[in-house]
């Protein structure tokens, strides 16, 4: 199993093609099709419905990190923020287990903490202000009124 929970196929486990030259096929080998479909269905953070508490915590941390970067992170910064938010939730889980007297992997907690620190150093630990020099008060007020006038999403019914 890989870190994503997917089964990886070892080339040594595949049947021998024999002395003849195998025909080239356009798709994956028959034995690997199920693994290929599993790879096609890899989930991302966007796929979460955020009903689970850890997902909610990760989203809260992610939003705070993005705000600290000025609200408009680059793709690389966004990726680091996503990783940090999930690592913080994982570290909090280990810490709460330890505090409750349950067995906890403190070596893993130390590794996660160091990874978080390195990612935050890469992002910059200081808070950045959002550049609003291109906005005037009238356009900002209009955008706020426009957001308030938009109908709420009624998909929760």
C-alpha atoms as a PDB file:
ATOM      1  CA  UNK A   1       0.000   0.000   0.000  1.00  0.00           C
ATOM      2  CA  UNK A   2       1.194   3.499  -0.758  1.00  0.00           C
ATOM      3  CA  UNK A   3       0.798   6.568   1.448  1.00  0.00           C
ATOM      4  CA  UNK A   4      -2.429   7.341  -0.421  1.00  0.00           C
ATOM      5  CA  UNK A   5      -3.851   3.931   0.461  1.00  0.00           C
ATOM      6  CA  UNK A   6      -3.464   2.644  -3.082  1.00  0.00           C
ATOM      7  CA  UNK A   7      -2.130  -0.779  -3.935  1.00  0.00           C
ATOM      8  CA  UNK A   8       1.046  -0.587  -5.956  1.00  0.00           C
ATOM      9  CA  UNK A   9       1.936  -3.368  -8.382  1.00  0.00           C
ATOM     10  CA  UNK A  10       5.418  -4.821  -8.154  1.00  0.00           C
ATOM     11  CA  UNK A  11       6.842  -5.542 -11.609  1.00  0.00           C
ATOM     12  CA  UNK A  12       8.212  -8.852 -10.300  1.00  0.00           C
ATOM     13  CA  UNK A  13       4.649 -10.028  -9.573  1.00  0.00           C
ATOM     14  CA  UNK A  14       3.442  -9.529 -13.145  1.00  0.00           C
ATOM     15  CA  UNK A  15       3.256 -12.631 -15.340  1.00  0.00           C
ATOM     16  CA  UNK A  16       6.248 -13.246 -17.602  1.00  0.00           C
ATOM     17  CA  UNK A  17       5.611 -12.198 -21.211  1.00  0.00           C
ATOM     18  CA  UNK A  18       7.635 -15.142 -22.493  1.00  0.00           C
ATOM     19  CA  UNK A  19      10.119 -15.205 -25.384  1.00  0.00           C
ATOM     20  CA  UNK A  20       7.782 -13.526 -27.875  1.00  0.00           C
ATOM     21  CA  UNK A  21       7.448  -9.787 -28.163  1.00  0.00           C
ATOM     22  CA  UNK A  22       4.141  -8.640 -26.600  1.00  0.00           C
ATOM     23  CA  UNK A  23       1.764  -6.548 -28.684  1.00  0.00           C
ATOM     24  CA  UNK A  24       1.516  -2.903 -27.700  1.00  0.00           C
ATOM     25  CA  UNK A  25      -1.858  -1.928 -26.303  1.00  0.00           C
ATOM     26  CA  UNK A  26      -3.272   1.531 -25.988  1.00  0.00           C
ATOM     27  CA  UNK A  27      -4.447   1.080 -22.388  1.00  0.00           C
ATOM     28  CA  UNK A  28      -2.882  -0.259 -19.230  1.00  0.00           C
ATOM     29  CA  UNK A  29      -2.271  -4.019 -18.908  1.00  0.00           C
ATOM     30  CA  UNK A  30      -5.346  -6.005 -17.918  1.00  0.00           C
ATOM     31  CA  UNK A  31      -3.994  -6.760 -14.449  1.00  0.00           C
ATOM     32  CA  UNK A  32      -3.306  -3.086 -13.714  1.00  0.00           C
ATOM     33  CA  UNK A  33      -6.658  -1.648 -14.818  1.00  0.00           C
ATOM     34  CA  UNK A  34      -8.170  -1.695 -11.331  1.00  0.00           C
ATOM     35  CA  UNK A  35      -5.086   0.010  -9.916  1.00  0.00           C
ATOM     36  CA  UNK A  36      -5.224   2.568 -12.737  1.00  0.00           C
ATOM     37  CA  UNK A  37      -8.877   3.329 -11.956  1.00  0.00           C
ATOM     38  CA  UNK A  38      -7.927   3.802  -8.304  1.00  0.00           C
ATOM     39  CA  UNK A  39      -5.246   6.303  -9.332  1.00  0.00           C
ATOM     40  CA  UNK A  40      -7.784   8.153 -11.465  1.00  0.00           C
ATOM     41  CA  UNK A  41      -9.968   8.573  -8.381  1.00  0.00           C
ATOM     42  CA  UNK A  42      -7.383  10.119  -6.065  1.00  0.00           C
ATOM     43  CA  UNK A  43      -9.171  12.602  -3.869  1.00  0.00           C
ATOM     44  CA  UNK A  44      -7.996  16.115  -3.098  1.00  0.00           C
ATOM     45  CA  UNK A  45      -8.915  18.576  -0.372  1.00  0.00           C
ATOM     46  CA  UNK A  46     -11.522  20.032  -2.707  1.00  0.00           C
ATOM     47  CA  UNK A  47     -13.359  16.692  -2.600  1.00  0.00           C
ATOM     48  CA  UNK A  48     -13.971  16.862   1.157  1.00  0.00           C
ATOM     49  CA  UNK A  49     -17.444  17.806   2.349  1.00  0.00           C
ATOM     50  CA  UNK A  50     -16.010  19.285   5.571  1.00  0.00           C
ATOM     51  CA  UNK A  51     -18.573  17.668   7.883  1.00  0.00           C
ATOM     52  CA  UNK A  52     -15.857  15.823   9.791  1.00  0.00           C
ATOM     53  CA  UNK A  53     -14.255  17.791  12.616  1.00  0.00           C
ATOM     54  CA  UNK A  54     -10.637  17.307  11.412  1.00  0.00           C
ATOM     55  CA  UNK A  55     -11.588  18.600   7.957  1.00  0.00           C
ATOM     56  CA  UNK A  56     -13.244  21.650   9.526  1.00  0.00           C
ATOM     57  CA  UNK A  57     -10.146  22.317  11.623  1.00  0.00           C
ATOM     58  CA  UNK A  58      -7.902  21.969   8.571  1.00  0.00           C
ATOM     59  CA  UNK A  59     -10.054  24.420   6.607  1.00  0.00           C
ATOM     60  CA  UNK A  60      -9.998  26.933   9.480  1.00  0.00           C
ATOM     61  CA  UNK A  61      -6.209  26.726   9.691  1.00  0.00           C
ATOM     62  CA  UNK A  62      -5.880  26.927   5.910  1.00  0.00           C
ATOM     63  CA  UNK A  63      -8.022  30.077   5.775  1.00  0.00           C
ATOM     64  CA  UNK A  64      -5.974  31.668   8.570  1.00  0.00           C
ATOM     65  CA  UNK A  65      -2.703  30.891   6.783  1.00  0.00           C
ATOM     66  CA  UNK A  66      -4.005  32.315   3.496  1.00  0.00           C
ATOM     67  CA  UNK A  67      -5.156  35.469   5.319  1.00  0.00           C
ATOM     68  CA  UNK A  68      -1.695  35.806   6.895  1.00  0.00           C
ATOM     69  CA  UNK A  69      -0.194  35.690   3.392  1.00  0.00           C
ATOM     70  CA  UNK A  70      -2.309  38.653   2.318  1.00  0.00           C
ATOM     71  CA  UNK A  71      -5.230  36.687   0.897  1.00  0.00           C
ATOM     72  CA  UNK A  72      -3.772  35.929  -2.533  1.00  0.00           C
ATOM     73  CA  UNK A  73      -1.141  33.182  -2.269  1.00  0.00           C
ATOM     74  CA  UNK A  74       0.742  31.780  -5.222  1.00  0.00           C
ATOM     75  CA  UNK A  75       0.114  28.165  -6.220  1.00  0.00           C
ATOM     76  CA  UNK A  76       3.213  27.055  -4.319  1.00  0.00           C
ATOM     77  CA  UNK A  77       2.173  28.987  -1.227  1.00  0.00           C
ATOM     78  CA  UNK A  78      -1.342  27.535  -1.449  1.00  0.00           C
ATOM     79  CA  UNK A  79       0.100  24.014  -1.629  1.00  0.00           C
ATOM     80  CA  UNK A  80       2.300  24.614   1.403  1.00  0.00           C
ATOM     81  CA  UNK A  81      -0.640  26.116   3.311  1.00  0.00           C
ATOM     82  CA  UNK A  82      -2.752  23.042   2.555  1.00  0.00           C
ATOM     83  CA  UNK A  83      -0.011  20.700   3.744  1.00  0.00           C
ATOM     84  CA  UNK A  84       0.616  22.717   6.889  1.00  0.00           C
ATOM     85  CA  UNK A  85      -3.093  22.803   7.759  1.00  0.00           C
ATOM     86  CA  UNK A  86      -3.352  19.016   7.546  1.00  0.00           C
ATOM     87  CA  UNK A  87      -0.118  18.497   9.453  1.00  0.00           C
ATOM     88  CA  UNK A  88      -1.303  20.809  12.247  1.00  0.00           C
ATOM     89  CA  UNK A  89      -4.503  18.778  12.599  1.00  0.00           C
ATOM     90  CA  UNK A  90      -2.470  15.548  12.700  1.00  0.00           C
ATOM     91  CA  UNK A  91      -0.157  17.036  15.355  1.00  0.00           C
ATOM     92  CA  UNK A  92      -3.150  18.194  17.421  1.00  0.00           C
ATOM     93  CA  UNK A  93      -4.574  14.679  17.279  1.00  0.00           C
ATOM     94  CA  UNK A  94      -1.344  13.136  18.559  1.00  0.00           C
ATOM     95  CA  UNK A  95      -1.034  15.811  21.264  1.00  0.00           C
ATOM     96  CA  UNK A  96      -4.595  15.282  22.491  1.00  0.00           C
ATOM     97  CA  UNK A  97      -4.056  11.511  22.658  1.00  0.00           C
ATOM     98  CA  UNK A  98      -0.877  12.044  24.680  1.00  0.00           C
ATOM     99  CA  UNK A  99      -2.595  14.498  27.039  1.00  0.00           C
ATOM    100  CA  UNK A 100      -5.440  12.013  27.589  1.00  0.00           C
ATOM    101  CA  UNK A 101      -2.963   9.357  28.661  1.00  0.00           C
ATOM    102  CA  UNK A 102      -3.397   7.263  25.530  1.00  0.00           C
ATOM    103  CA  UNK A 103      -0.420   5.823  23.643  1.00  0.00           C
ATOM    104  CA  UNK A 104       0.992   8.453  21.293  1.00  0.00           C
ATOM    105  CA  UNK A 105       3.835   8.377  18.810  1.00  0.00           C
ATOM    106  CA  UNK A 106       5.962  11.268  20.069  1.00  0.00           C
ATOM    107  CA  UNK A 107       8.654  10.651  17.449  1.00  0.00           C
ATOM    108  CA  UNK A 108       6.027  11.167  14.747  1.00  0.00           C
ATOM    109  CA  UNK A 109       4.806  14.294  16.556  1.00  0.00           C
ATOM    110  CA  UNK A 110       8.366  15.638  16.559  1.00  0.00           C
ATOM    111  CA  UNK A 111       8.734  14.899  12.835  1.00  0.00           C
ATOM    112  CA  UNK A 112       5.411  16.573  12.029  1.00  0.00           C
ATOM    113  CA  UNK A 113       6.303  19.608  14.153  1.00  0.00           C
ATOM    114  CA  UNK A 114       9.642  20.036  12.384  1.00  0.00           C
ATOM    115  CA  UNK A 115       7.963  19.679   8.990  1.00  0.00           C
ATOM    116  CA  UNK A 116       5.398  22.324   9.960  1.00  0.00           C
ATOM    117  CA  UNK A 117       8.182  24.661  11.110  1.00  0.00           C
ATOM    118  CA  UNK A 118      10.136  24.230   7.870  1.00  0.00           C
ATOM    119  CA  UNK A 119       7.030  24.856   5.756  1.00  0.00           C
ATOM    120  CA  UNK A 120       6.166  27.962   7.774  1.00  0.00           C
ATOM    121  CA  UNK A 121       9.713  29.263   7.400  1.00  0.00           C
ATOM    122  CA  UNK A 122       9.366  28.763   3.638  1.00  0.00           C
ATOM    123  CA  UNK A 123       6.089  30.675   3.685  1.00  0.00           C
ATOM    124  CA  UNK A 124       7.453  33.356   5.987  1.00  0.00           C
ATOM    125  CA  UNK A 125       6.397  33.467   9.601  1.00  0.00           C
ATOM    126  CA  UNK A 126       5.413  37.134   9.577  1.00  0.00           C
ATOM    127  CA  UNK A 127       1.908  38.275   8.719  1.00  0.00           C
ATOM    128  CA  UNK A 128       1.587  40.224   5.473  1.00  0.00           C
ATOM    129  CA  UNK A 129      -0.916  42.953   4.864  1.00  0.00           C
ATOM    130  CA  UNK A 130      -3.233  42.767   1.906  1.00  0.00           C
ATOM    131  CA  UNK A 131      -2.519  45.387  -0.755  1.00  0.00           C
ATOM    132  CA  UNK A 132      -5.570  47.625  -1.012  1.00  0.00           C
ATOM    133  CA  UNK A 133      -3.899  50.601  -2.636  1.00  0.00           C
ATOM    134  CA  UNK A 134      -5.909  50.093  -5.842  1.00  0.00           C
ATOM    135  CA  UNK A 135      -9.265  50.290  -4.027  1.00  0.00           C
ATOM    136  CA  UNK A 136     -11.141  53.410  -3.064  1.00  0.00           C
ATOM    137  CA  UNK A 137     -13.850  53.562  -0.418  1.00  0.00           C
ATOM    138  CA  UNK A 138     -16.737  53.905  -2.905  1.00  0.00           C
ATOM    139  CA  UNK A 139     -15.825  50.793  -4.929  1.00  0.00           C
ATOM    140  CA  UNK A 140     -15.315  48.817  -1.721  1.00  0.00           C
ATOM    141  CA  UNK A 141     -18.730  49.858  -0.384  1.00  0.00           C
ATOM    142  CA  UNK A 142     -20.348  48.913  -3.719  1.00  0.00           C
ATOM    143  CA  UNK A 143     -18.732  45.470  -3.648  1.00  0.00           C
ATOM    144  CA  UNK A 144     -19.996  44.931  -0.090  1.00  0.00           C
ATOM    145  CA  UNK A 145     -23.531  45.954  -1.067  1.00  0.00           C
ATOM    146  CA  UNK A 146     -23.397  43.689  -4.101  1.00  0.00           C
ATOM    147  CA  UNK A 147     -22.389  40.694  -1.926  1.00  0.00           C
ATOM    148  CA  UNK A 148     -25.204  41.428   0.529  1.00  0.00           C
ATOM    149  CA  UNK A 149     -27.778  41.654  -2.285  1.00  0.00           C
ATOM    150  CA  UNK A 150     -26.806  38.283  -3.776  1.00  0.00           C
ATOM    151  CA  UNK A 151     -29.224  35.489  -2.803  1.00  0.00           C
ATOM    152  CA  UNK A 152     -27.931  32.866  -0.375  1.00  0.00           C
ATOM    153  CA  UNK A 153     -27.235  29.395  -1.711  1.00  0.00           C
ATOM    154  CA  UNK A 154     -30.204  27.174  -0.864  1.00  0.00           C
ATOM    155  CA  UNK A 155     -28.429  23.909  -1.611  1.00  0.00           C
ATOM    156  CA  UNK A 156     -28.494  22.927   2.082  1.00  0.00           C
ATOM    157  CA  UNK A 157     -32.226  22.105   2.002  1.00  0.00           C
END
